[in-house]
Amino acid sequence: MGETSWYKTREEIEVKSPSRVDGIDSKQESFQRWSYSTFLQELGQRLNNPQRSIATSIVLCQRFFTLQSLAKNDPKTISIICMFIAGKVEGSPRPVDDVIAKGYRVLHGKEPTTEVCARLKGAVLTGEKFVLSTLRFDLEIEHPYEPALDWVRRWVKVEMDAKRLFQAAWNFLNDGLRSSLCLQFRPSQIAAAAIYLGSRMTNVKIPCDGEKDWWLEFHVTKRQLCEICNQTLEIYQQDFLIPVKHEAKSKFGDGGLLRPEQGR
């Protein structure tokens, strides 16, 4: 599957999602996307994974759920599988037992028993084949970190300003992973929006290249730039105090991931 085929409009994502067929509305899916992306960020940090590897796991998970329903696949189990896959793709592999144990600890705040680890391992290894086949083994993912850093290094000459601007942009890029931006826009376009938002936050002026608009280098239109910025800011305004109406029944089970051991 070519890279361009993964990109969809916001309407397609919100209206034509496979989860909609199973009765999961757009707000519930947005909550689940935010939830599993936040989970993956924390899991990746506990595994000491590079941010690129964490971002890859989130993008893989989001792409998976453009083709599969949340009602039929537990998002936390799929998340752990995507983290396991992303580690191998990005050159930062972690043992499956380590990924499982730390994932369980993030969810339940305690260590899993040997029996639970064994069940989870079976679910993850079986599920890995399902996730890979769903994604059609298209695992090459670009991220916006590199184009953002490259632009800041070339154009912001004051070192302290460059550091402040890139750190702010970096934060916006990471927060943006909790939305569907990576399913709508190319990495370079998202990078441009993060730089703009970062400049507004830090008051670092964006240099001009004569009469040429600076964002054109990122192959993004002014309209797209505004849309990405608006969607990024929406993340900080979300109200996710909504009930979970569906419990996913995964094709390969969750291996006990969602059910903490009693009496421990």
Protein backbone atom coordinates (compact mmCIF):
# COMPACT_ATOMS: atom_id res chain seq x y z
CA MET A 1 0.00 0.00 0.00
CA GLY A 2 1.46 3.37 -1.00
CA GLU A 3 1.93 6.07 1.59
CA THR A 4 -0.58 8.47 0.02
CA SER A 5 -3.41 5.96 0.39
CA TRP A 6 -3.27 6.34 4.19
CA TYR A 7 -4.31 9.99 4.04
CA LYS A 8 -8.00 10.77 4.48
CA THR A 9 -10.10 13.85 5.02
CA ARG A 10 -11.34 14.62 8.51
CA GLU A 11 -14.88 13.88 7.33
CA GLU A 12 -13.86 10.45 6.05
CA ILE A 13 -12.19 9.66 9.38
CA GLU A 14 -15.15 10.85 11.45
CA VAL A 15 -17.99 9.54 9.27
CA LYS A 16 -16.69 6.49 7.43
CA SER A 17 -14.68 4.80 10.17
CA PRO A 18 -15.26 1.03 10.54
CA SER A 19 -16.11 1.71 14.19
CA ARG A 20 -19.11 3.77 13.10
CA VAL A 21 -20.70 0.65 11.60
CA ASP A 22 -20.52 -0.98 15.03
CA GLY A 23 -22.24 1.90 16.79
CA ILE A 24 -19.19 3.75 18.14
CA ASP A 25 -19.70 7.47 17.54
CA SER A 26 -17.05 9.96 16.51
CA LYS A 27 -16.60 11.43 20.00
CA GLN A 28 -16.06 7.99 21.52
CA GLU A 29 -13.51 7.12 18.83
CA SER A 30 -11.70 10.43 19.41
CA PHE A 31 -11.52 9.58 23.09
CA GLN A 32 -10.16 6.11 22.34
CA ARG A 33 -7.57 7.60 19.97
CA TRP A 34 -6.47 10.05 22.65
CA SER A 35 -6.42 7.26 25.25
CA TYR A 36 -4.34 4.71 23.36
CA SER A 37 -1.97 7.39 22.04
CA THR A 38 -1.38 8.66 25.59
CA PHE A 39 -0.88 5.07 26.76
CA LEU A 40 1.69 4.44 24.03
CA GLN A 41 3.58 7.62 24.89
CA GLU A 42 3.90 6.55 28.52
CA LEU A 43 4.71 2.95 27.64
CA GLY A 44 7.41 4.03 25.20
CA GLN A 45 8.99 6.29 27.79
CA ARG A 46 9.06 3.47 30.35
CA LEU A 47 10.75 1.28 27.74
CA ASN A 48 13.28 4.07 27.11
CA ASN A 49 12.32 4.08 23.44
CA PRO A 50 13.31 7.00 21.21
CA GLN A 51 10.46 9.43 20.50
CA ARG A 52 10.54 8.43 16.84
CA SER A 53 9.81 4.81 17.80
CA ILE A 54 6.96 5.93 20.06
CA ALA A 55 5.51 8.09 17.29
CA THR A 56 5.71 5.18 14.86
CA SER A 57 3.74 2.97 17.24
CA ILE A 58 1.02 5.64 17.51
CA VAL A 59 0.77 6.13 13.75
CA LEU A 60 0.60 2.37 13.18
CA CYS A 61 -2.18 2.09 15.74
CA GLN A 62 -4.14 4.95 14.21
CA ARG A 63 -3.76 3.49 10.73
CA PHE A 64 -4.93 0.10 11.99
CA PHE A 65 -8.17 1.61 13.28
CA THR A 66 -8.93 3.22 9.92
CA LEU A 67 -9.37 -0.35 8.67
CA GLN A 68 -10.60 -2.20 11.76
CA SER A 69 -13.32 -1.46 14.29
CA LEU A 70 -12.69 -0.52 17.91
CA ALA A 71 -15.67 -2.73 18.79
CA LYS A 72 -13.85 -5.82 17.57
CA ASN A 73 -10.27 -5.02 18.63
CA ASP A 74 -9.22 -3.90 22.09
CA PRO A 75 -7.22 -0.69 21.56
CA LYS A 76 -4.79 -1.27 24.44
CA THR A 77 -3.90 -4.75 23.17
CA ILE A 78 -3.44 -3.39 19.64
CA SER A 79 -1.32 -0.59 21.14
CA ILE A 80 1.07 -3.02 22.80
CA ILE A 81 1.36 -4.93 19.54
CA CYS A 82 2.11 -1.72 17.63
CA MET A 83 4.77 -0.76 20.19
CA PHE A 84 6.39 -4.17 19.76
CA ILE A 85 6.33 -3.80 15.96
CA ALA A 86 7.55 -0.18 16.01
CA GLY A 87 10.59 -1.10 18.09
CA LYS A 88 11.69 -3.54 15.42
CA VAL A 89 10.92 -1.14 12.58
CA GLU A 90 12.82 1.78 14.13
CA GLY A 91 15.85 -0.18 15.30
CA SER A 92 14.97 -0.06 18.99
CA PRO A 93 13.53 -3.56 19.56
CA ARG A 94 12.40 -4.56 23.03
CA PRO A 95 11.73 -8.13 24.21
CA VAL A 96 8.04 -8.94 23.99
CA ASP A 97 7.98 -9.90 27.67
CA ASP A 98 9.34 -6.47 28.59
CA VAL A 99 6.78 -4.64 26.45
CA ILE A 100 3.97 -6.70 27.98
CA ALA A 101 5.11 -6.32 31.58
CA LYS A 102 5.53 -2.54 31.33
CA GLY A 103 2.25 -2.17 29.45
CA TYR A 104 0.45 -4.07 32.18
CA ARG A 105 2.16 -1.93 34.82
CA VAL A 106 1.03 1.28 33.10
CA LEU A 107 -2.56 0.04 33.03
CA HIS A 108 -2.80 -1.57 36.46
CA GLY A 109 0.07 -0.18 38.53
CA LYS A 110 1.48 -3.60 39.41
CA GLU A 111 3.41 -6.51 37.98
CA PRO A 112 1.54 -9.20 36.03
CA THR A 113 1.70 -12.78 37.22
CA THR A 114 3.58 -15.40 35.21
CA GLU A 115 0.26 -16.80 33.98
CA VAL A 116 -0.95 -13.40 32.84
CA CYS A 117 2.36 -12.76 31.03
CA ALA A 118 2.03 -16.07 29.21
CA ARG A 119 -1.54 -15.31 28.11
CA LEU A 120 -0.59 -11.81 27.01
CA LYS A 121 2.41 -13.06 25.08
CA GLY A 122 0.19 -15.45 23.15
CA ALA A 123 -2.27 -12.65 22.38
CA VAL A 124 0.48 -10.26 21.27
CA LEU A 125 2.31 -12.74 19.03
CA THR A 126 -0.93 -13.91 17.45
CA GLY A 127 -2.17 -10.36 17.12
CA GLU A 128 1.07 -9.19 15.53
CA LYS A 129 0.30 -11.23 12.42
CA PHE A 130 -3.21 -9.76 12.28
CA VAL A 131 -1.98 -6.18 12.67
CA LEU A 132 0.72 -6.64 10.03
CA SER A 133 -1.72 -8.14 7.55
CA THR A 134 -4.25 -5.37 8.23
CA LEU A 135 -1.54 -2.76 7.54
CA ARG A 136 -0.48 -4.81 4.49
CA PHE A 137 3.08 -4.76 5.85
CA ASP A 138 3.40 -1.05 4.98
CA LEU A 139 5.58 0.01 7.90
CA GLU A 140 7.60 2.89 6.43
CA ILE A 141 6.57 6.01 8.30
CA GLU A 142 7.96 9.52 8.10
CA HIS A 143 7.66 11.94 11.01
CA PRO A 144 7.62 15.75 11.24
CA TYR A 145 10.49 16.03 13.72
CA GLU A 146 13.24 16.08 11.10
CA PRO A 147 11.78 18.77 8.80
CA ALA A 148 10.94 20.94 11.82
CA LEU A 149 14.44 20.66 13.27
CA ASP A 150 16.10 21.19 9.88
CA TRP A 151 14.13 24.39 9.23
CA VAL A 152 14.79 25.85 12.68
CA ARG A 153 18.52 25.14 12.39
CA ARG A 154 18.74 26.85 9.01
CA TRP A 155 16.59 29.90 9.66
CA VAL A 156 16.80 30.80 13.37
CA LYS A 157 20.31 32.14 13.91
CA VAL A 158 20.12 32.97 17.61
CA GLU A 159 20.92 29.69 19.36
CA MET A 160 18.72 30.28 22.41
CA ASP A 161 15.76 31.28 20.22
CA ALA A 162 16.28 28.18 18.07
CA LYS A 163 16.25 25.93 21.13
CA ARG A 164 13.12 27.56 22.55
CA LEU A 165 11.29 27.44 19.24
CA PHE A 166 12.15 23.83 18.49
CA GLN A 167 11.25 22.67 22.00
CA ALA A 168 7.84 24.33 21.70
CA ALA A 169 7.33 22.85 18.23
CA TRP A 170 8.44 19.42 19.51
CA ASN A 171 5.82 19.59 22.25
CA PHE A 172 3.08 20.49 19.77
CA LEU A 173 4.16 17.63 17.49
CA ASN A 174 3.96 15.12 20.34
CA ASP A 175 0.61 16.40 21.55
CA GLY A 176 -0.68 16.31 17.98
CA LEU A 177 -0.17 12.55 17.91
CA ARG A 178 -3.25 12.28 20.15
CA SER A 179 -5.39 13.57 17.28
CA SER A 180 -5.99 12.27 13.76
CA LEU A 181 -3.60 14.79 12.15
CA CYS A 182 -1.17 12.05 11.06
CA LEU A 183 -4.03 10.49 9.07
CA GLN A 184 -4.89 13.74 7.29
CA PHE A 185 -1.66 15.61 6.57
CA ARG A 186 1.90 14.93 5.54
CA PRO A 187 4.69 15.17 8.12
CA SER A 188 6.17 18.33 6.55
CA GLN A 189 2.78 20.06 6.71
CA ILE A 190 2.35 19.17 10.38
CA ALA A 191 5.90 20.40 11.02
CA ALA A 192 5.05 23.82 9.57
CA ALA A 193 2.04 24.18 11.86
CA ALA A 194 4.08 23.17 14.91
CA ILE A 195 6.72 25.78 14.06
CA TYR A 196 4.05 28.47 13.69
CA LEU A 197 2.37 27.56 17.00
CA GLY A 198 5.78 27.35 18.65
CA SER A 199 6.70 30.81 17.42
CA ARG A 200 3.47 32.25 18.80
CA MET A 201 4.08 30.62 22.17
CA THR A 202 7.74 31.64 22.50
CA ASN A 203 7.50 35.01 20.70
CA VAL A 204 10.35 33.92 18.45
CA LYS A 205 9.90 35.74 15.15
CA ILE A 206 9.85 33.55 12.06
CA PRO A 207 12.38 34.86 9.50
CA CYS A 208 11.13 35.86 6.05
CA ASP A 209 12.71 34.84 2.75
CA GLY A 210 12.04 37.96 0.75
CA GLU A 211 8.46 37.99 -0.55
CA LYS A 212 8.13 34.21 -0.37
CA ASP A 213 5.85 32.86 2.36
CA TRP A 214 8.00 30.78 4.71
CA TRP A 215 5.54 27.88 4.93
CA LEU A 216 5.67 27.13 1.18
CA GLU A 217 8.91 25.25 1.79
CA PHE A 218 6.80 22.66 3.64
CA HIS A 219 4.44 22.15 0.68
CA VAL A 220 1.49 23.33 2.72
CA THR A 221 -1.14 25.90 1.80
CA LYS A 222 -2.19 28.70 4.14
CA ARG A 223 -5.58 27.04 4.49
CA GLN A 224 -4.02 23.71 5.44
CA LEU A 225 -1.70 25.46 7.88
CA CYS A 226 -4.65 27.09 9.62
CA GLU A 227 -6.57 23.81 9.75
CA ILE A 228 -3.67 21.90 11.31
CA CYS A 229 -3.14 24.66 13.87
CA ASN A 230 -6.83 24.69 14.76
CA GLN A 231 -6.99 20.92 15.14
CA THR A 232 -3.85 20.96 17.27
CA LEU A 233 -5.37 23.54 19.60
CA GLU A 234 -8.59 21.52 19.79
CA ILE A 235 -6.61 18.84 21.64
CA TYR A 236 -6.32 21.14 24.65
CA GLN A 237 -10.05 21.87 24.61
CA GLN A 238 -11.38 18.31 24.43
CA ASP A 239 -13.90 17.14 27.00
CA PHE A 240 -13.56 13.39 27.26
CA LEU A 241 -15.79 12.83 30.28
CA ILE A 242 -17.96 10.38 28.37
CA PRO A 243 -18.97 6.80 29.19
CA VAL A 244 -17.33 3.86 27.47
CA LYS A 245 -20.25 2.15 25.76
CA HIS A 246 -18.42 -0.68 24.04
CA GLU A 247 -16.00 -3.30 25.26
CA ALA A 248 -13.97 -4.63 22.37
CA LYS A 249 -14.09 -8.34 21.68
CA SER A 250 -10.77 -8.93 19.99
CA LYS A 251 -10.41 -11.64 17.37
CA PHE A 252 -7.43 -13.00 19.29
CA GLY A 253 -8.39 -12.01 22.84
CA ASP A 254 -6.69 -9.57 25.17
CA GLY A 255 -4.80 -12.22 27.13
CA GLY A 256 -6.07 -10.77 30.40
CA LEU A 257 -4.66 -7.29 29.72
CA LEU A 258 -7.88 -5.54 30.72
CA ARG A 259 -8.56 -7.67 33.79
CA PRO A 260 -6.13 -7.09 36.66
CA GLU A 261 -5.33 -10.06 38.87
CA GLN A 262 -7.31 -10.04 42.09
CA GLY A 263 -5.72 -10.23 45.51
CA ARG A 264 -2.31 -8.93 44.47
